[in-house]
């Protein structure tokens, strides 16, 4: 706060004892770092979840094929090509028939496929948010390309290509 000091000349002078306001670019840089770290972590978690869900879907398709279901029915339920369904079935050779009815297999495959579609939508949203954040950071010059690459997990040239011509939304980096 402010204090009025006296020196030996008996003249008062003003000295500010508060803290200096932080540099706005340093604040934006720190917010950008935090947002990019969070974005990278969320995208990584999403990718891990998608891999696990894809494995479960493939196992369910292979089990249904082992139980004698037709490839065309499974391809329709999983929204895959018949070739992809056959490939999944051939990759799992250690299965034994489970005896589950076809309706249960189809219901499980549809459920897994819808969960996978939701994860793909959230992945697209996360990647759009990351792109917007990278574009805003590059446009403002808050961080250099090398730090952006380190924080996002992408290569510097990839970031430059991705953000070329992208107009960041207002509020990409909160003030």
C-alpha atoms as a PDB file:
ATOM      1  CA  UNK A   1       0.000   0.000   0.000  1.00  0.00           C
ATOM      2  CA  UNK A   2       1.025   3.624   0.088  1.00  0.00           C
ATOM      3  CA  UNK A   3       3.091   5.158   2.793  1.00  0.00           C
ATOM      4  CA  UNK A   4       4.266   8.691   3.316  1.00  0.00           C
ATOM      5  CA  UNK A   5       7.917   8.650   4.294  1.00  0.00           C
ATOM      6  CA  UNK A   6      10.047  11.385   5.660  1.00  0.00           C
ATOM      7  CA  UNK A   7      13.705  11.832   5.138  1.00  0.00           C
ATOM      8  CA  UNK A   8      16.129  14.037   6.994  1.00  0.00           C
ATOM      9  CA  UNK A   9      15.161  17.016   4.834  1.00  0.00           C
ATOM     10  CA  UNK A  10      11.632  16.882   6.258  1.00  0.00           C
ATOM     11  CA  UNK A  11      10.091  16.576   2.838  1.00  0.00           C
ATOM     12  CA  UNK A  12       7.492  13.881   2.424  1.00  0.00           C
ATOM     13  CA  UNK A  13       7.582  11.533  -0.553  1.00  0.00           C
ATOM     14  CA  UNK A  14       5.396   8.735  -1.718  1.00  0.00           C
ATOM     15  CA  UNK A  15       6.594   5.127  -2.024  1.00  0.00           C
ATOM     16  CA  UNK A  16       4.368   2.362  -3.449  1.00  0.00           C
ATOM     17  CA  UNK A  17       4.636  -0.870  -1.474  1.00  0.00           C
ATOM     18  CA  UNK A  18       2.127  -2.980  -3.354  1.00  0.00           C
ATOM     19  CA  UNK A  19       2.880  -5.780  -5.760  1.00  0.00           C
ATOM     20  CA  UNK A  20       3.367  -5.057  -9.426  1.00  0.00           C
ATOM     21  CA  UNK A  21       0.685  -6.220 -11.809  1.00  0.00           C
ATOM     22  CA  UNK A  22       1.744  -9.326 -13.714  1.00  0.00           C
ATOM     23  CA  UNK A  23       2.690  -9.007 -17.342  1.00  0.00           C
ATOM     24  CA  UNK A  24      -0.379  -9.765 -19.485  1.00  0.00           C
ATOM     25  CA  UNK A  25       1.558 -11.865 -22.009  1.00  0.00           C
ATOM     26  CA  UNK A  26       3.082 -13.943 -19.205  1.00  0.00           C
ATOM     27  CA  UNK A  27      -0.391 -14.582 -17.787  1.00  0.00           C
ATOM     28  CA  UNK A  28      -1.729 -15.594 -21.198  1.00  0.00           C
ATOM     29  CA  UNK A  29       1.305 -17.828 -21.774  1.00  0.00           C
ATOM     30  CA  UNK A  30       0.724 -19.637 -18.496  1.00  0.00           C
ATOM     31  CA  UNK A  31      -2.989 -20.083 -19.222  1.00  0.00           C
ATOM     32  CA  UNK A  32      -2.119 -21.418 -22.681  1.00  0.00           C
ATOM     33  CA  UNK A  33       0.382 -23.870 -21.179  1.00  0.00           C
ATOM     34  CA  UNK A  34      -2.214 -25.164 -18.735  1.00  0.00           C
ATOM     35  CA  UNK A  35      -4.917 -25.482 -21.412  1.00  0.00           C
ATOM     36  CA  UNK A  36      -2.568 -27.315 -23.791  1.00  0.00           C
ATOM     37  CA  UNK A  37      -1.450 -29.717 -21.050  1.00  0.00           C
ATOM     38  CA  UNK A  38      -5.074 -30.453 -20.177  1.00  0.00           C
ATOM     39  CA  UNK A  39      -5.967 -30.857 -23.846  1.00  0.00           C
ATOM     40  CA  UNK A  40      -3.102 -33.281 -24.426  1.00  0.00           C
ATOM     41  CA  UNK A  41      -4.121 -35.333 -21.397  1.00  0.00           C
ATOM     42  CA  UNK A  42      -7.787 -35.481 -22.469  1.00  0.00           C
ATOM     43  CA  UNK A  43      -6.922 -36.466 -26.030  1.00  0.00           C
ATOM     44  CA  UNK A  44      -4.599 -39.171 -24.731  1.00  0.00           C
ATOM     45  CA  UNK A  45      -7.274 -40.517 -22.382  1.00  0.00           C
ATOM     46  CA  UNK A  46      -9.806 -40.471 -25.215  1.00  0.00           C
ATOM     47  CA  UNK A  47      -7.443 -42.402 -27.495  1.00  0.00           C
ATOM     48  CA  UNK A  48      -6.832 -45.002 -24.795  1.00  0.00           C
ATOM     49  CA  UNK A  49     -10.559 -45.404 -24.240  1.00  0.00           C
ATOM     50  CA  UNK A  50     -11.163 -45.759 -27.974  1.00  0.00           C
ATOM     51  CA  UNK A  51      -8.508 -48.471 -28.277  1.00  0.00           C
ATOM     52  CA  UNK A  52      -9.983 -50.447 -25.398  1.00  0.00           C
ATOM     53  CA  UNK A  53     -13.498 -50.097 -26.806  1.00  0.00           C
ATOM     54  CA  UNK A  54     -12.338 -51.143 -30.282  1.00  0.00           C
ATOM     55  CA  UNK A  55     -10.744 -54.256 -28.812  1.00  0.00           C
ATOM     56  CA  UNK A  56     -13.988 -55.112 -27.008  1.00  0.00           C
ATOM     57  CA  UNK A  57     -15.978 -54.585 -30.217  1.00  0.00           C
ATOM     58  CA  UNK A  58     -13.613 -56.817 -32.181  1.00  0.00           C
ATOM     59  CA  UNK A  59     -13.825 -59.513 -29.508  1.00  0.00           C
ATOM     60  CA  UNK A  60     -17.613 -59.355 -29.575  1.00  0.00           C
ATOM     61  CA  UNK A  61     -17.655 -59.641 -33.383  1.00  0.00           C
ATOM     62  CA  UNK A  62     -15.234 -62.575 -33.281  1.00  0.00           C
ATOM     63  CA  UNK A  63     -17.315 -64.320 -30.625  1.00  0.00           C
ATOM     64  CA  UNK A  64     -20.489 -63.816 -32.662  1.00  0.00           C
ATOM     65  CA  UNK A  65     -18.786 -65.303 -35.717  1.00  0.00           C
ATOM     66  CA  UNK A  66     -17.619 -68.217 -33.600  1.00  0.00           C
ATOM     67  CA  UNK A  67     -21.214 -68.733 -32.490  1.00  0.00           C
ATOM     68  CA  UNK A  68     -22.268 -69.049 -36.130  1.00  0.00           C
ATOM     69  CA  UNK A  69     -23.710 -65.641 -36.982  1.00  0.00           C
ATOM     70  CA  UNK A  70     -23.652 -64.493 -40.581  1.00  0.00           C
ATOM     71  CA  UNK A  71     -21.012 -62.023 -41.663  1.00  0.00           C
ATOM     72  CA  UNK A  72     -23.542 -59.755 -43.389  1.00  0.00           C
ATOM     73  CA  UNK A  73     -25.631 -59.355 -40.192  1.00  0.00           C
ATOM     74  CA  UNK A  74     -22.537 -58.505 -38.153  1.00  0.00           C
ATOM     75  CA  UNK A  75     -21.274 -56.091 -40.795  1.00  0.00           C
ATOM     76  CA  UNK A  76     -24.584 -54.261 -40.755  1.00  0.00           C
ATOM     77  CA  UNK A  77     -24.747 -54.095 -36.947  1.00  0.00           C
ATOM     78  CA  UNK A  78     -21.131 -52.957 -36.590  1.00  0.00           C
ATOM     79  CA  UNK A  79     -21.312 -50.626 -39.595  1.00  0.00           C
ATOM     80  CA  UNK A  80     -18.212 -52.271 -41.055  1.00  0.00           C
ATOM     81  CA  UNK A  81     -17.484 -53.923 -44.348  1.00  0.00           C
ATOM     82  CA  UNK A  82     -17.888 -57.665 -44.637  1.00  0.00           C
ATOM     83  CA  UNK A  83     -14.182 -57.893 -45.345  1.00  0.00           C
ATOM     84  CA  UNK A  84     -13.389 -56.145 -42.028  1.00  0.00           C
ATOM     85  CA  UNK A  85     -15.719 -58.497 -40.148  1.00  0.00           C
ATOM     86  CA  UNK A  86     -14.065 -61.536 -41.740  1.00  0.00           C
ATOM     87  CA  UNK A  87     -10.633 -60.182 -40.880  1.00  0.00           C
ATOM     88  CA  UNK A  88     -11.664 -59.703 -37.245  1.00  0.00           C
ATOM     89  CA  UNK A  89     -13.068 -63.226 -37.177  1.00  0.00           C
ATOM     90  CA  UNK A  90      -9.899 -64.738 -38.627  1.00  0.00           C
ATOM     91  CA  UNK A  91      -7.678 -62.892 -36.150  1.00  0.00           C
ATOM     92  CA  UNK A  92      -9.319 -64.598 -33.145  1.00  0.00           C
ATOM     93  CA  UNK A  93      -8.637 -68.294 -33.421  1.00  0.00           C
ATOM     94  CA  UNK A  94      -8.775 -69.359 -29.777  1.00  0.00           C
ATOM     95  CA  UNK A  95     -12.502 -68.814 -29.148  1.00  0.00           C
ATOM     96  CA  UNK A  96     -15.046 -71.444 -28.222  1.00  0.00           C
ATOM     97  CA  UNK A  97     -18.807 -71.108 -28.845  1.00  0.00           C
ATOM     98  CA  UNK A  98     -20.552 -69.245 -26.040  1.00  0.00           C
ATOM     99  CA  UNK A  99     -24.112 -70.278 -26.834  1.00  0.00           C
ATOM    100  CA  UNK A 100     -25.494 -66.739 -26.631  1.00  0.00           C
ATOM    101  CA  UNK A 101     -28.412 -65.959 -28.934  1.00  0.00           C
ATOM    102  CA  UNK A 102     -27.841 -63.772 -31.979  1.00  0.00           C
ATOM    103  CA  UNK A 103     -29.979 -60.956 -30.551  1.00  0.00           C
ATOM    104  CA  UNK A 104     -27.653 -60.551 -27.563  1.00  0.00           C
ATOM    105  CA  UNK A 105     -24.604 -60.438 -29.815  1.00  0.00           C
ATOM    106  CA  UNK A 106     -26.216 -57.853 -32.075  1.00  0.00           C
ATOM    107  CA  UNK A 107     -27.359 -55.728 -29.133  1.00  0.00           C
ATOM    108  CA  UNK A 108     -23.861 -55.783 -27.611  1.00  0.00           C
ATOM    109  CA  UNK A 109     -22.259 -54.900 -30.942  1.00  0.00           C
ATOM    110  CA  UNK A 110     -24.663 -51.998 -31.507  1.00  0.00           C
ATOM    111  CA  UNK A 111     -24.080 -50.704 -27.975  1.00  0.00           C
ATOM    112  CA  UNK A 112     -20.291 -50.867 -28.368  1.00  0.00           C
ATOM    113  CA  UNK A 113     -20.521 -49.210 -31.773  1.00  0.00           C
ATOM    114  CA  UNK A 114     -22.612 -46.332 -30.380  1.00  0.00           C
ATOM    115  CA  UNK A 115     -20.151 -45.842 -27.498  1.00  0.00           C
ATOM    116  CA  UNK A 116     -17.319 -45.787 -30.006  1.00  0.00           C
ATOM    117  CA  UNK A 117     -19.178 -43.193 -32.092  1.00  0.00           C
ATOM    118  CA  UNK A 118     -19.630 -40.989 -28.997  1.00  0.00           C
ATOM    119  CA  UNK A 119     -15.919 -41.223 -28.248  1.00  0.00           C
ATOM    120  CA  UNK A 120     -15.100 -40.294 -31.840  1.00  0.00           C
ATOM    121  CA  UNK A 121     -17.340 -37.227 -31.572  1.00  0.00           C
ATOM    122  CA  UNK A 122     -15.677 -36.148 -28.333  1.00  0.00           C
ATOM    123  CA  UNK A 123     -12.263 -36.730 -29.932  1.00  0.00           C
ATOM    124  CA  UNK A 124     -13.200 -34.447 -32.813  1.00  0.00           C
ATOM    125  CA  UNK A 125     -14.385 -31.777 -30.375  1.00  0.00           C
ATOM    126  CA  UNK A 126     -11.171 -32.036 -28.351  1.00  0.00           C
ATOM    127  CA  UNK A 127      -9.045 -31.776 -31.469  1.00  0.00           C
ATOM    128  CA  UNK A 128     -11.025 -28.752 -32.689  1.00  0.00           C
ATOM    129  CA  UNK A 129     -10.528 -27.075 -29.325  1.00  0.00           C
ATOM    130  CA  UNK A 130      -6.793 -27.831 -29.444  1.00  0.00           C
ATOM    131  CA  UNK A 131      -6.564 -26.444 -32.983  1.00  0.00           C
ATOM    132  CA  UNK A 132      -8.362 -23.279 -31.924  1.00  0.00           C
ATOM    133  CA  UNK A 133      -6.050 -22.895 -28.932  1.00  0.00           C
ATOM    134  CA  UNK A 134      -2.925 -23.437 -31.036  1.00  0.00           C
ATOM    135  CA  UNK A 135      -4.121 -20.958 -33.651  1.00  0.00           C
ATOM    136  CA  UNK A 136      -4.852 -18.320 -31.002  1.00  0.00           C
ATOM    137  CA  UNK A 137      -1.481 -18.850 -29.326  1.00  0.00           C
ATOM    138  CA  UNK A 138       0.393 -18.601 -32.643  1.00  0.00           C
ATOM    139  CA  UNK A 139      -1.551 -15.536 -33.773  1.00  0.00           C
ATOM    140  CA  UNK A 140      -0.950 -13.687 -30.507  1.00  0.00           C
ATOM    141  CA  UNK A 141       2.667 -14.824 -30.279  1.00  0.00           C
ATOM    142  CA  UNK A 142       2.165 -15.964 -26.715  1.00  0.00           C
ATOM    143  CA  UNK A 143       4.391 -19.041 -27.100  1.00  0.00           C
ATOM    144  CA  UNK A 144       6.856 -19.997 -29.799  1.00  0.00           C
ATOM    145  CA  UNK A 145       6.301 -22.938 -32.136  1.00  0.00           C
ATOM    146  CA  UNK A 146       8.737 -25.193 -30.293  1.00  0.00           C
ATOM    147  CA  UNK A 147       7.006 -24.753 -26.953  1.00  0.00           C
ATOM    148  CA  UNK A 148       3.620 -25.242 -28.585  1.00  0.00           C
ATOM    149  CA  UNK A 149       4.937 -28.469 -30.104  1.00  0.00           C
ATOM    150  CA  UNK A 150       6.245 -29.695 -26.756  1.00  0.00           C
ATOM    151  CA  UNK A 151       2.991 -28.892 -24.964  1.00  0.00           C
ATOM    152  CA  UNK A 152       0.644 -30.289 -27.610  1.00  0.00           C
ATOM    153  CA  UNK A 153       2.601 -33.404 -28.550  1.00  0.00           C
ATOM    154  CA  UNK A 154       2.572 -32.427 -32.215  1.00  0.00           C
ATOM    155  CA  UNK A 155       5.484 -31.540 -34.450  1.00  0.00           C
ATOM    156  CA  UNK A 156       6.253 -27.894 -35.090  1.00  0.00           C
ATOM    157  CA  UNK A 157       5.642 -28.165 -38.824  1.00  0.00           C
ATOM    158  CA  UNK A 158       2.369 -29.998 -38.224  1.00  0.00           C
ATOM    159  CA  UNK A 159       1.186 -27.157 -36.007  1.00  0.00           C
ATOM    160  CA  UNK A 160       2.135 -24.604 -38.642  1.00  0.00           C
ATOM    161  CA  UNK A 161       0.227 -26.506 -41.337  1.00  0.00           C
ATOM    162  CA  UNK A 162      -2.797 -27.121 -39.111  1.00  0.00           C
ATOM    163  CA  UNK A 163      -3.140 -23.507 -38.019  1.00  0.00           C
ATOM    164  CA  UNK A 164      -2.441 -21.912 -41.385  1.00  0.00           C
ATOM    165  CA  UNK A 165      -5.425 -19.711 -42.200  1.00  0.00           C
ATOM    166  CA  UNK A 166      -7.403 -20.725 -39.097  1.00  0.00           C
ATOM    167  CA  UNK A 167      -9.156 -17.830 -37.451  1.00  0.00           C
ATOM    168  CA  UNK A 168      -9.298 -18.589 -33.717  1.00  0.00           C
ATOM    169  CA  UNK A 169     -12.562 -18.041 -31.938  1.00  0.00           C
ATOM    170  CA  UNK A 170     -12.710 -15.227 -29.458  1.00  0.00           C
ATOM    171  CA  UNK A 171     -12.077 -16.495 -25.970  1.00  0.00           C
ATOM    172  CA  UNK A 172      -9.846 -19.387 -27.050  1.00  0.00           C
ATOM    173  CA  UNK A 173      -7.379 -18.209 -24.435  1.00  0.00           C
ATOM    174  CA  UNK A 174      -9.382 -16.792 -21.527  1.00  0.00           C
ATOM    175  CA  UNK A 175      -8.305 -13.361 -20.387  1.00  0.00           C
END
